């Protein structure tokens, strides 16, 4: 087994108010599937969620990520999450900073995973994992931006 650690951070400006963005992010059953490859998110408790993800394939190996996470609003514009169970350990934070008529929305993700690969494949596996996390953040931020900036969302 090969242990990988991956970290990524991205930010995007979104024309939305703080309350609407926080509400969307904390609605994990709705916002979670905005991450590519998430099949669904099931609420297990007030702040705890089971994530169902598509299998990941790389270098001839299939990995089936499964985990349960806890989300905590730690202050205005601050939401943290961490893994409480599963074969992927993911910790991270959302930071929403009011800027003019919108928000700078930042997402930081740190993940640790063991994959069934030999050690000599560490470098290509790390590159793949880094790309997966960074592109996942970019896609989720773009989808959140699209939802919050749509005319229908603004009417709610």
Foldseek 3Di string as FASTA:
>chain_A
DDKEKEKDKDKDWAQFDQVLLVVQVQVCQRLVPLQPFWPGWADPDNFKIKTFGDWDDDPRFTHGWIFMKGWDAPDRQKIWMWTPDTQKTKTKMWGWDDDPRTTIIMIMIMMMHDGPDDPVCRVVVNVVVNCSVHVRVVSSVVVSRCQRPDPVNVVD
